[in-house]
C-alpha atoms as a PDB file:
ATOM      1  CA  UNK A   1       0.227   0.143  -0.125  1.00  0.00           C
ATOM      2  CA  UNK A   2       1.174   3.450  -0.703  1.00  0.00           C
ATOM      3  CA  UNK A   3       1.254   6.044   1.614  1.00  0.00           C
ATOM      4  CA  UNK A   4      -0.909   8.459  -1.137  1.00  0.00           C
ATOM      5  CA  UNK A   5      -4.063   5.055  -0.297  1.00  0.00           C
ATOM      6  CA  UNK A   6      -4.005   6.021   3.015  1.00  0.00           C
ATOM      7  CA  UNK A   7      -4.835   9.945   2.422  1.00  0.00           C
ATOM      8  CA  UNK A   8      -8.088   9.106   0.082  1.00  0.00           C
ATOM      9  CA  UNK A   9     -11.206   9.116   1.629  1.00  0.00           C
ATOM     10  CA  UNK A  10     -13.159   6.418   1.460  1.00  0.00           C
ATOM     11  CA  UNK A  11     -16.783   6.039   0.308  1.00  0.00           C
ATOM     12  CA  UNK A  12     -19.170   4.297   2.002  1.00  0.00           C
ATOM     13  CA  UNK A  13     -22.913   3.740   0.241  1.00  0.00           C
ATOM     14  CA  UNK A  14     -25.761   1.423   0.927  1.00  0.00           C
ATOM     15  CA  UNK A  15     -27.827   0.618  -1.862  1.00  0.00           C
ATOM     16  CA  UNK A  16     -31.591   1.652  -1.514  1.00  0.00           C
ATOM     17  CA  UNK A  17     -33.139  -1.914  -1.082  1.00  0.00           C
ATOM     18  CA  UNK A  18     -30.278  -2.384   1.973  1.00  0.00           C
ATOM     19  CA  UNK A  19     -31.541   0.611   3.364  1.00  0.00           C
ATOM     20  CA  UNK A  20     -35.810  -0.285   3.346  1.00  0.00           C
ATOM     21  CA  UNK A  21     -34.080  -3.833   5.169  1.00  0.00           C
ATOM     22  CA  UNK A  22     -32.536  -2.134   7.608  1.00  0.00           C
ATOM     23  CA  UNK A  23     -35.781   0.060   8.541  1.00  0.00           C
ATOM     24  CA  UNK A  24     -38.121  -2.937   8.350  1.00  0.00           C
ATOM     25  CA  UNK A  25     -36.207  -4.705  10.832  1.00  0.00           C
ATOM     26  CA  UNK A  26     -35.464  -1.703  13.629  1.00  0.00           C
ATOM     27  CA  UNK A  27     -39.272  -0.857  13.436  1.00  0.00           C
ATOM     28  CA  UNK A  28     -40.002  -4.886  14.145  1.00  0.00           C
ATOM     29  CA  UNK A  29     -37.358  -4.940  16.452  1.00  0.00           C
ATOM     30  CA  UNK A  30     -38.406  -1.867  18.207  1.00  0.00           C
ATOM     31  CA  UNK A  31     -42.343  -3.317  18.356  1.00  0.00           C
ATOM     32  CA  UNK A  32     -41.209  -6.859  19.783  1.00  0.00           C
ATOM     33  CA  UNK A  33     -39.483  -5.071  22.316  1.00  0.00           C
ATOM     34  CA  UNK A  34     -42.275  -2.732  22.869  1.00  0.00           C
ATOM     35  CA  UNK A  35     -44.975  -5.408  23.315  1.00  0.00           C
ATOM     36  CA  UNK A  36     -42.550  -7.194  25.591  1.00  0.00           C
ATOM     37  CA  UNK A  37     -42.346  -4.370  28.286  1.00  0.00           C
ATOM     38  CA  UNK A  38     -38.993  -3.466  27.499  1.00  0.00           C
ATOM     39  CA  UNK A  39     -37.702   0.354  26.670  1.00  0.00           C
ATOM     40  CA  UNK A  40     -37.275  -0.580  22.980  1.00  0.00           C
ATOM     41  CA  UNK A  41     -34.883   2.375  22.111  1.00  0.00           C
ATOM     42  CA  UNK A  42     -32.734   1.606  26.037  1.00  0.00           C
ATOM     43  CA  UNK A  43     -32.814  -1.839  24.236  1.00  0.00           C
ATOM     44  CA  UNK A  44     -31.742  -1.193  21.036  1.00  0.00           C
ATOM     45  CA  UNK A  45     -28.937   1.310  22.147  1.00  0.00           C
ATOM     46  CA  UNK A  46     -27.583  -1.237  24.377  1.00  0.00           C
ATOM     47  CA  UNK A  47     -27.250  -3.542  21.695  1.00  0.00           C
ATOM     48  CA  UNK A  48     -26.036  -1.079  19.086  1.00  0.00           C
ATOM     49  CA  UNK A  49     -23.511  -0.540  21.521  1.00  0.00           C
ATOM     50  CA  UNK A  50     -22.130  -3.630  22.899  1.00  0.00           C
ATOM     51  CA  UNK A  51     -23.081  -5.945  20.030  1.00  0.00           C
ATOM     52  CA  UNK A  52     -24.475  -8.301  22.486  1.00  0.00           C
ATOM     53  CA  UNK A  53     -27.637  -9.561  21.212  1.00  0.00           C
ATOM     54  CA  UNK A  54     -29.209 -10.286  24.918  1.00  0.00           C
ATOM     55  CA  UNK A  55     -30.312  -6.770  24.648  1.00  0.00           C
ATOM     56  CA  UNK A  56     -32.894  -7.900  22.065  1.00  0.00           C
ATOM     57  CA  UNK A  57     -36.236 -10.393  22.858  1.00  0.00           C
ATOM     58  CA  UNK A  58     -36.397 -13.444  20.974  1.00  0.00           C
ATOM     59  CA  UNK A  59     -40.231 -12.827  20.858  1.00  0.00           C
ATOM     60  CA  UNK A  60     -41.591 -12.576  17.001  1.00  0.00           C
ATOM     61  CA  UNK A  61     -37.646 -13.156  16.204  1.00  0.00           C
ATOM     62  CA  UNK A  62     -36.509  -9.671  17.001  1.00  0.00           C
ATOM     63  CA  UNK A  63     -33.370 -10.812  18.165  1.00  0.00           C
ATOM     64  CA  UNK A  64     -32.954 -13.281  14.881  1.00  0.00           C
ATOM     65  CA  UNK A  65     -33.878 -10.197  12.832  1.00  0.00           C
ATOM     66  CA  UNK A  66     -31.346  -7.626  14.128  1.00  0.00           C
ATOM     67  CA  UNK A  67     -28.550 -10.007  13.545  1.00  0.00           C
ATOM     68  CA  UNK A  68     -29.204 -10.217  10.213  1.00  0.00           C
ATOM     69  CA  UNK A  69     -27.408  -6.846   9.923  1.00  0.00           C
ATOM     70  CA  UNK A  70     -24.201  -5.799  10.503  1.00  0.00           C
ATOM     71  CA  UNK A  71     -24.279  -2.918  13.366  1.00  0.00           C
ATOM     72  CA  UNK A  72     -22.344   0.015  11.187  1.00  0.00           C
ATOM     73  CA  UNK A  73     -25.480  -0.599   8.657  1.00  0.00           C
ATOM     74  CA  UNK A  74     -28.071   0.118  11.389  1.00  0.00           C
ATOM     75  CA  UNK A  75     -26.324   2.726  12.512  1.00  0.00           C
ATOM     76  CA  UNK A  76     -25.779   4.310   9.052  1.00  0.00           C
ATOM     77  CA  UNK A  77     -29.843   3.664   8.823  1.00  0.00           C
ATOM     78  CA  UNK A  78     -30.228   5.380  11.606  1.00  0.00           C
ATOM     79  CA  UNK A  79     -28.191   8.739  11.348  1.00  0.00           C
ATOM     80  CA  UNK A  80     -29.566   8.936   7.820  1.00  0.00           C
ATOM     81  CA  UNK A  81     -33.400   9.141   9.020  1.00  0.00           C
ATOM     82  CA  UNK A  82     -32.244  11.169  11.975  1.00  0.00           C
ATOM     83  CA  UNK A  83     -30.540  13.709  10.002  1.00  0.00           C
ATOM     84  CA  UNK A  84     -33.264  14.059   7.111  1.00  0.00           C
END
């Protein structure tokens, strides 16, 4: 690797289809957590910070759903929606 390659800015882009999947997953996980009586925001933040799937209920397959995407993909979806 040349020195110049470290000075270039990397581009990260998620396809539209993947954005929809991330949004759907977050909505489904949020609803499952709410149905089980958890604070969905706290639980999702705990998962995103730690990577520990135990923060997400297995109710309605939420734990398996959220693990379909990398945490950085979920964070990108959240930041994108927040900044719109």
